[in-house]
Every structure is written in C-alpha cells, then in structure tokens.
Amino acid sequence: ISEKDIELIGHIFLIIKKLTKQLGLHEEGYRIVNNCGEFGGQTVSHIHFHVLAGRQLLWPPG
C-alpha cells in the first residue's frame, strides 16, 4: 500500500461499510483487519482485508 492507493483504499472501506449494512453486521460493530509483510503473515505481497464480526472482539486480538 502506498500514497498512490489512497482513493482505492477509501473506496474499499466504503464498500465494506455498504456490505456490512447489507449483511446486518453494522449494528453490533465489526473490525477491519489488513495484514502486511512477513510479520503480518504474508508470504506473497498482496492487499486484502478481513471483516470480523458476529461476536465481541477483544483487545489485544487473538
């Protein structure tokens, strides 16, 4: 992810918001996670997001 991707990332977040409303996840809340790099668990560099919902999410995650 770089500065040139700012519009794309913003668009992705708006789509996630729309999808969580359609799926009924927005009322209770959700978490958006993006893992980057080796320590983030990536072996192939790419962008993807996880949308976590359906239960109380604690901090630290795990």
N, C-alpha and C. Protein backbone atom coordinates (compact mmCIF):
# COMPACT_ATOMS: atom_id res chain seq x y z
N ILE A 1 0.86 -1.17 0.00
CA ILE A 1 0.00 0.00 0.00
C ILE A 1 0.90 1.23 0.00
N SER A 2 0.58 2.19 -0.84
CA SER A 2 1.35 3.43 -0.89
C SER A 2 0.39 4.61 -1.03
N GLU A 3 0.94 5.80 -1.03
CA GLU A 3 0.13 7.02 -1.14
C GLU A 3 -0.71 7.02 -2.41
N LYS A 4 -0.22 6.39 -3.47
CA LYS A 4 -0.97 6.38 -4.73
C LYS A 4 -2.25 5.54 -4.64
N ASP A 5 -2.37 4.73 -3.59
CA ASP A 5 -3.54 3.86 -3.42
C ASP A 5 -4.63 4.47 -2.54
N ILE A 6 -4.50 5.73 -2.16
CA ILE A 6 -5.41 6.32 -1.18
C ILE A 6 -6.88 6.28 -1.65
N GLU A 7 -7.13 6.57 -2.92
CA GLU A 7 -8.51 6.54 -3.41
C GLU A 7 -9.06 5.12 -3.42
N LEU A 8 -8.25 4.16 -3.81
CA LEU A 8 -8.67 2.76 -3.83
C LEU A 8 -9.01 2.28 -2.42
N ILE A 9 -8.14 2.58 -1.46
CA ILE A 9 -8.38 2.14 -0.08
C ILE A 9 -9.65 2.79 0.48
N GLY A 10 -9.84 4.07 0.20
CA GLY A 10 -11.06 4.74 0.63
C GLY A 10 -12.30 4.08 0.03
N HIS A 11 -12.22 3.73 -1.24
CA HIS A 11 -13.34 3.05 -1.92
C HIS A 11 -13.61 1.68 -1.28
N ILE A 12 -12.55 0.94 -0.99
CA ILE A 12 -12.71 -0.37 -0.35
C ILE A 12 -13.42 -0.23 0.99
N PHE A 13 -13.04 0.76 1.79
CA PHE A 13 -13.68 0.95 3.09
C PHE A 13 -15.16 1.32 2.93
N LEU A 14 -15.49 2.11 1.92
CA LEU A 14 -16.90 2.44 1.69
C LEU A 14 -17.69 1.20 1.26
N ILE A 15 -17.09 0.35 0.46
CA ILE A 15 -17.75 -0.90 0.05
C ILE A 15 -17.94 -1.82 1.26
N ILE A 16 -16.93 -1.89 2.12
CA ILE A 16 -17.06 -2.70 3.34
C ILE A 16 -18.23 -2.18 4.19
N LYS A 17 -18.34 -0.87 4.32
CA LYS A 17 -19.45 -0.29 5.08
C LYS A 17 -20.79 -0.69 4.47
N LYS A 18 -20.89 -0.61 3.14
CA LYS A 18 -22.13 -0.98 2.44
C LYS A 18 -22.45 -2.47 2.65
N LEU A 19 -21.44 -3.32 2.52
CA LEU A 19 -21.65 -4.76 2.69
C LEU A 19 -22.06 -5.13 4.12
N THR A 20 -21.44 -4.48 5.11
CA THR A 20 -21.80 -4.79 6.50
C THR A 20 -23.24 -4.39 6.79
N LYS A 21 -23.71 -3.32 6.17
CA LYS A 21 -25.12 -2.94 6.33
C LYS A 21 -26.02 -3.98 5.68
N GLN A 22 -25.67 -4.41 4.47
CA GLN A 22 -26.48 -5.42 3.76
C GLN A 22 -26.54 -6.73 4.53
N LEU A 23 -25.44 -7.08 5.19
CA LEU A 23 -25.37 -8.34 5.94
C LEU A 23 -25.85 -8.21 7.38
N GLY A 24 -26.24 -7.00 7.79
CA GLY A 24 -26.73 -6.79 9.15
C GLY A 24 -25.65 -6.83 10.21
N LEU A 25 -24.41 -6.54 9.83
CA LEU A 25 -23.30 -6.57 10.78
C LEU A 25 -22.99 -5.21 11.39
N HIS A 26 -23.53 -4.15 10.81
CA HIS A 26 -23.15 -2.80 11.23
C HIS A 26 -23.71 -2.40 12.60
N GLU A 27 -24.82 -2.98 13.01
CA GLU A 27 -25.45 -2.56 14.27
C GLU A 27 -24.61 -2.94 15.48
N GLU A 28 -24.08 -4.13 15.50
CA GLU A 28 -23.27 -4.59 16.64
C GLU A 28 -21.81 -4.17 16.51
N GLY A 29 -21.38 -3.90 15.30
CA GLY A 29 -20.00 -3.50 15.07
C GLY A 29 -19.17 -4.59 14.42
N TYR A 30 -18.03 -4.19 13.92
CA TYR A 30 -17.14 -5.11 13.21
C TYR A 30 -15.73 -4.54 13.25
N ARG A 31 -14.78 -5.36 12.86
CA ARG A 31 -13.38 -4.96 12.81
C ARG A 31 -12.85 -5.25 11.41
N ILE A 32 -12.09 -4.31 10.86
CA ILE A 32 -11.45 -4.49 9.56
C ILE A 32 -9.97 -4.69 9.82
N VAL A 33 -9.41 -5.79 9.28
CA VAL A 33 -8.01 -6.13 9.50
C VAL A 33 -7.30 -6.25 8.16
N ASN A 34 -6.11 -5.69 8.08
CA ASN A 34 -5.25 -5.83 6.90
C ASN A 34 -3.88 -6.28 7.39
N ASN A 35 -3.43 -7.43 6.93
CA ASN A 35 -2.13 -7.96 7.31
C ASN A 35 -1.12 -7.65 6.21
N CYS A 36 0.03 -7.10 6.60
CA CYS A 36 1.05 -6.71 5.62
C CYS A 36 2.41 -7.27 6.01
N GLY A 37 3.13 -7.77 5.02
CA GLY A 37 4.52 -8.17 5.22
C GLY A 37 4.70 -9.49 5.93
N GLU A 38 5.96 -9.87 6.06
CA GLU A 38 6.32 -11.16 6.64
C GLU A 38 5.78 -11.33 8.05
N PHE A 39 5.96 -10.33 8.91
CA PHE A 39 5.49 -10.45 10.29
C PHE A 39 3.96 -10.38 10.38
N GLY A 40 3.32 -9.90 9.32
CA GLY A 40 1.86 -9.90 9.25
C GLY A 40 1.30 -11.21 8.71
N GLY A 41 2.20 -12.14 8.38
CA GLY A 41 1.77 -13.45 7.90
C GLY A 41 1.69 -13.59 6.40
N GLN A 42 2.15 -12.58 5.66
CA GLN A 42 2.11 -12.66 4.21
C GLN A 42 3.35 -13.35 3.66
N THR A 43 3.13 -14.27 2.73
CA THR A 43 4.25 -14.87 2.00
C THR A 43 4.27 -14.37 0.56
N VAL A 44 3.13 -13.86 0.08
CA VAL A 44 3.02 -13.25 -1.24
C VAL A 44 2.46 -11.85 -1.03
N SER A 45 3.16 -10.84 -1.52
CA SER A 45 2.72 -9.46 -1.33
C SER A 45 1.44 -9.19 -2.11
N HIS A 46 0.38 -8.86 -1.40
CA HIS A 46 -0.91 -8.52 -2.00
C HIS A 46 -1.72 -7.77 -0.95
N ILE A 47 -2.82 -7.19 -1.38
CA ILE A 47 -3.68 -6.47 -0.44
C ILE A 47 -4.99 -7.24 -0.28
N HIS A 48 -5.41 -7.40 0.94
CA HIS A 48 -6.72 -7.97 1.23
C HIS A 48 -7.13 -7.52 2.62
N PHE A 49 -8.42 -7.56 2.87
CA PHE A 49 -8.96 -7.16 4.15
C PHE A 49 -9.82 -8.28 4.71
N HIS A 50 -9.81 -8.41 6.01
CA HIS A 50 -10.70 -9.32 6.73
C HIS A 50 -11.74 -8.45 7.43
N VAL A 51 -12.99 -8.85 7.37
CA VAL A 51 -14.05 -8.19 8.12
C VAL A 51 -14.50 -9.19 9.18
N LEU A 52 -14.26 -8.84 10.43
CA LEU A 52 -14.57 -9.73 11.56
C LEU A 52 -15.80 -9.19 12.28
N ALA A 53 -16.76 -10.06 12.52
CA ALA A 53 -17.99 -9.64 13.19
C ALA A 53 -18.68 -10.88 13.76
N GLY A 54 -19.76 -10.64 14.48
CA GLY A 54 -20.58 -11.73 14.98
C GLY A 54 -20.32 -12.13 16.41
N ARG A 55 -19.33 -11.51 17.04
CA ARG A 55 -19.05 -11.78 18.45
C ARG A 55 -18.27 -10.60 19.00
N GLN A 56 -18.20 -10.51 20.31
CA GLN A 56 -17.42 -9.46 20.96
C GLN A 56 -15.94 -9.65 20.62
N LEU A 57 -15.33 -8.65 20.07
CA LEU A 57 -13.91 -8.70 19.72
C LEU A 57 -13.11 -8.03 20.81
N LEU A 58 -12.13 -8.72 21.31
CA LEU A 58 -11.35 -8.25 22.45
C LEU A 58 -10.04 -7.63 21.99
N TRP A 59 -9.37 -6.93 22.90
CA TRP A 59 -8.05 -6.38 22.64
C TRP A 59 -7.12 -6.78 23.76
N PRO A 60 -5.95 -7.28 23.53
CA PRO A 60 -5.40 -7.48 22.19
C PRO A 60 -6.13 -8.61 21.47
N PRO A 61 -6.11 -8.57 20.13
CA PRO A 61 -6.80 -9.60 19.37
C PRO A 61 -6.17 -10.97 19.57
N GLY A 62 -6.96 -11.98 19.32
CA GLY A 62 -6.42 -13.33 19.42
C GLY A 62 -7.48 -14.32 19.83
